Amino acid sequence: MRLRNFLVGHQLTLADAMLVSVISVCFELVFDKKTRKSTIPNLARYTQILLQMPPFLAVFGSVVFCKDALTP
């Protein structure tokens, strides 16, 4: 079984760029390590893979996922 790393097909598309640009802030501030591991492991893997790609690094820089969720 091959892992799917993109939303549509087998290459980066605008759909991937839009999704990651919106949810990257959530991973920085809200989705703590426990949530990423237990609730959304596939979304976390997908986001991490894309954020390490050169086009995303050029725009976002190095995104650090939060350890603890930000509380209001």
N, C-alpha and C. Protein backbone atom coordinates (compact mmCIF):
# COMPACT_ATOMS: atom_id res chain seq x y z
N MET A 1 0.83 -1.18 0.00
CA MET A 1 0.00 0.00 0.00
C MET A 1 0.88 1.25 0.00
N ARG A 2 0.62 2.16 -0.90
CA ARG A 2 1.39 3.39 -1.00
C ARG A 2 0.68 4.49 -0.22
N LEU A 3 1.47 5.28 0.48
CA LEU A 3 0.90 6.41 1.21
C LEU A 3 0.57 7.53 0.24
N ARG A 4 -0.54 8.20 0.52
CA ARG A 4 -0.92 9.36 -0.28
C ARG A 4 -0.43 10.59 0.44
N ASN A 5 0.38 11.38 -0.23
CA ASN A 5 0.93 12.58 0.39
C ASN A 5 0.26 13.86 -0.08
N PHE A 6 -0.68 13.75 -1.01
CA PHE A 6 -1.35 14.93 -1.55
C PHE A 6 -2.85 14.69 -1.60
N LEU A 7 -3.62 15.76 -1.62
CA LEU A 7 -5.08 15.62 -1.65
C LEU A 7 -5.59 15.08 -2.97
N VAL A 8 -5.00 15.57 -4.06
CA VAL A 8 -5.46 15.18 -5.40
C VAL A 8 -4.27 14.64 -6.18
N GLY A 9 -4.32 13.41 -6.55
CA GLY A 9 -3.26 12.84 -7.36
C GLY A 9 -1.98 12.59 -6.58
N HIS A 10 -0.86 12.67 -7.29
CA HIS A 10 0.43 12.34 -6.71
C HIS A 10 1.43 13.48 -6.78
N GLN A 11 0.90 14.70 -6.87
CA GLN A 11 1.78 15.85 -6.86
C GLN A 11 1.10 17.02 -6.17
N LEU A 12 1.88 18.01 -5.80
CA LEU A 12 1.38 19.18 -5.10
C LEU A 12 0.41 19.95 -5.99
N THR A 13 -0.74 20.34 -5.41
CA THR A 13 -1.73 21.11 -6.15
C THR A 13 -2.12 22.33 -5.33
N LEU A 14 -2.92 23.20 -5.93
CA LEU A 14 -3.41 24.38 -5.23
C LEU A 14 -4.24 23.99 -4.01
N ALA A 15 -4.95 22.87 -4.07
CA ALA A 15 -5.74 22.40 -2.93
C ALA A 15 -4.84 22.14 -1.72
N ASP A 16 -3.70 21.53 -1.94
CA ASP A 16 -2.76 21.28 -0.85
C ASP A 16 -2.24 22.60 -0.28
N ALA A 17 -1.86 23.50 -1.14
CA ALA A 17 -1.33 24.79 -0.70
C ALA A 17 -2.36 25.57 0.12
N MET A 18 -3.60 25.57 -0.32
CA MET A 18 -4.65 26.30 0.40
C MET A 18 -4.90 25.67 1.77
N LEU A 19 -5.02 24.35 1.82
CA LEU A 19 -5.29 23.69 3.09
C LEU A 19 -4.17 23.92 4.09
N VAL A 20 -2.95 23.72 3.68
CA VAL A 20 -1.82 23.87 4.59
C VAL A 20 -1.66 25.33 5.02
N SER A 21 -1.91 26.26 4.14
CA SER A 21 -1.79 27.67 4.53
C SER A 21 -2.82 28.05 5.58
N VAL A 22 -3.97 27.42 5.57
CA VAL A 22 -5.01 27.72 6.56
C VAL A 22 -4.76 27.00 7.88
N ILE A 23 -4.39 25.73 7.83
CA ILE A 23 -4.29 24.97 9.08
C ILE A 23 -2.93 25.03 9.75
N SER A 24 -1.92 25.59 9.09
CA SER A 24 -0.60 25.65 9.73
C SER A 24 -0.62 26.44 11.03
N VAL A 25 -1.42 27.47 11.09
CA VAL A 25 -1.54 28.27 12.32
C VAL A 25 -2.15 27.43 13.44
N CYS A 26 -3.09 26.58 13.11
CA CYS A 26 -3.70 25.69 14.11
C CYS A 26 -2.66 24.76 14.72
N PHE A 27 -1.75 24.28 13.90
CA PHE A 27 -0.71 23.38 14.41
C PHE A 27 0.29 24.14 15.26
N GLU A 28 0.48 25.41 14.99
CA GLU A 28 1.40 26.21 15.80
C GLU A 28 0.80 26.61 17.15
N LEU A 29 -0.52 26.78 17.21
CA LEU A 29 -1.14 27.33 18.41
C LEU A 29 -2.11 26.42 19.15
N VAL A 30 -2.83 25.56 18.45
CA VAL A 30 -3.96 24.84 19.07
C VAL A 30 -3.76 23.33 19.15
N PHE A 31 -3.33 22.70 18.09
CA PHE A 31 -3.23 21.24 18.07
C PHE A 31 -1.97 20.79 18.80
N ASP A 32 -2.13 20.46 20.07
CA ASP A 32 -0.98 20.03 20.86
C ASP A 32 -0.56 18.61 20.48
N LYS A 33 0.53 18.18 21.07
CA LYS A 33 1.10 16.87 20.71
C LYS A 33 0.11 15.73 20.94
N LYS A 34 -0.62 15.77 22.03
CA LYS A 34 -1.60 14.72 22.34
C LYS A 34 -2.70 14.67 21.29
N THR A 35 -3.21 15.81 20.91
CA THR A 35 -4.27 15.89 19.89
C THR A 35 -3.76 15.40 18.55
N ARG A 36 -2.57 15.82 18.18
CA ARG A 36 -2.00 15.39 16.90
C ARG A 36 -1.83 13.88 16.86
N LYS A 37 -1.40 13.30 17.95
CA LYS A 37 -1.13 11.85 17.98
C LYS A 37 -2.41 11.02 18.05
N SER A 38 -3.38 11.46 18.86
CA SER A 38 -4.56 10.63 19.08
C SER A 38 -5.72 10.92 18.14
N THR A 39 -5.92 12.18 17.78
CA THR A 39 -7.11 12.56 17.04
C THR A 39 -6.87 12.76 15.54
N ILE A 40 -5.76 13.40 15.19
CA ILE A 40 -5.53 13.75 13.79
C ILE A 40 -4.13 13.34 13.30
N PRO A 41 -3.75 12.08 13.49
CA PRO A 41 -2.38 11.71 13.10
C PRO A 41 -2.12 11.82 11.60
N ASN A 42 -3.09 11.50 10.77
CA ASN A 42 -2.88 11.58 9.32
C ASN A 42 -2.77 13.03 8.85
N LEU A 43 -3.59 13.91 9.40
CA LEU A 43 -3.52 15.32 9.04
C LEU A 43 -2.20 15.92 9.52
N ALA A 44 -1.73 15.51 10.69
CA ALA A 44 -0.46 15.99 11.20
C ALA A 44 0.70 15.54 10.31
N ARG A 45 0.67 14.28 9.89
CA ARG A 45 1.73 13.76 9.00
C ARG A 45 1.72 14.50 7.67
N TYR A 46 0.53 14.67 7.11
CA TYR A 46 0.36 15.37 5.84
C TYR A 46 0.89 16.81 5.94
N THR A 47 0.50 17.51 6.99
CA THR A 47 0.92 18.90 7.17
C THR A 47 2.42 19.00 7.35
N GLN A 48 2.99 18.11 8.14
CA GLN A 48 4.42 18.13 8.38
C GLN A 48 5.20 17.86 7.09
N ILE A 49 4.75 16.92 6.30
CA ILE A 49 5.43 16.61 5.03
C ILE A 49 5.41 17.82 4.11
N LEU A 50 4.25 18.44 3.96
CA LEU A 50 4.15 19.58 3.06
C LEU A 50 4.93 20.79 3.55
N LEU A 51 4.91 21.04 4.85
CA LEU A 51 5.63 22.20 5.38
C LEU A 51 7.14 22.06 5.26
N GLN A 52 7.63 20.84 5.00
CA GLN A 52 9.06 20.62 4.82
C GLN A 52 9.48 20.73 3.35
N MET A 53 8.51 20.91 2.46
CA MET A 53 8.83 21.05 1.04
C MET A 53 9.37 22.46 0.76
N PRO A 54 10.32 22.59 -0.18
CA PRO A 54 10.94 23.89 -0.45
C PRO A 54 9.96 25.04 -0.72
N PRO A 55 8.88 24.86 -1.50
CA PRO A 55 7.97 26.00 -1.71
C PRO A 55 7.34 26.50 -0.41
N PHE A 56 7.01 25.60 0.49
CA PHE A 56 6.41 26.00 1.76
C PHE A 56 7.44 26.60 2.70
N LEU A 57 8.65 26.06 2.69
CA LEU A 57 9.71 26.62 3.52
C LEU A 57 10.03 28.05 3.10
N ALA A 58 9.97 28.32 1.80
CA ALA A 58 10.24 29.66 1.31
C ALA A 58 9.20 30.67 1.79
N VAL A 59 7.96 30.24 1.92
CA VAL A 59 6.88 31.15 2.32
C VAL A 59 6.71 31.19 3.83
N PHE A 60 6.63 30.04 4.47
CA PHE A 60 6.32 29.96 5.90
C PHE A 60 7.54 29.91 6.80
N GLY A 61 8.69 29.58 6.24
CA GLY A 61 9.85 29.34 7.08
C GLY A 61 9.68 28.03 7.81
N SER A 62 10.40 27.88 8.88
CA SER A 62 10.32 26.65 9.66
C SER A 62 9.17 26.77 10.67
N VAL A 63 8.11 26.01 10.46
CA VAL A 63 6.94 26.03 11.34
C VAL A 63 7.17 25.02 12.46
N VAL A 64 7.02 25.48 13.70
CA VAL A 64 7.20 24.62 14.86
C VAL A 64 5.83 24.30 15.44
N PHE A 65 5.51 23.02 15.50
CA PHE A 65 4.23 22.59 16.08
C PHE A 65 4.27 22.82 17.59
N CYS A 66 3.13 23.23 18.16
CA CYS A 66 3.07 23.53 19.58
C CYS A 66 3.12 22.25 20.42
N LYS A 67 3.66 22.38 21.64
CA LYS A 67 3.68 21.27 22.58
C LYS A 67 2.40 21.27 23.40
N ASP A 68 1.98 22.46 23.81
CA ASP A 68 0.75 22.63 24.60
C ASP A 68 -0.16 23.62 23.89
N ALA A 69 -1.45 23.35 23.90
CA ALA A 69 -2.41 24.23 23.25
C ALA A 69 -2.45 25.58 23.94
N LEU A 70 -2.60 26.61 23.15
CA LEU A 70 -2.74 27.96 23.67
C LEU A 70 -4.11 28.10 24.29
N THR A 71 -4.19 28.60 25.51
CA THR A 71 -5.48 28.78 26.16
C THR A 71 -5.82 30.26 26.21
N PRO A 72 -7.09 30.59 25.94
CA PRO A 72 -7.48 32.02 25.93
C PRO A 72 -7.52 32.62 27.33
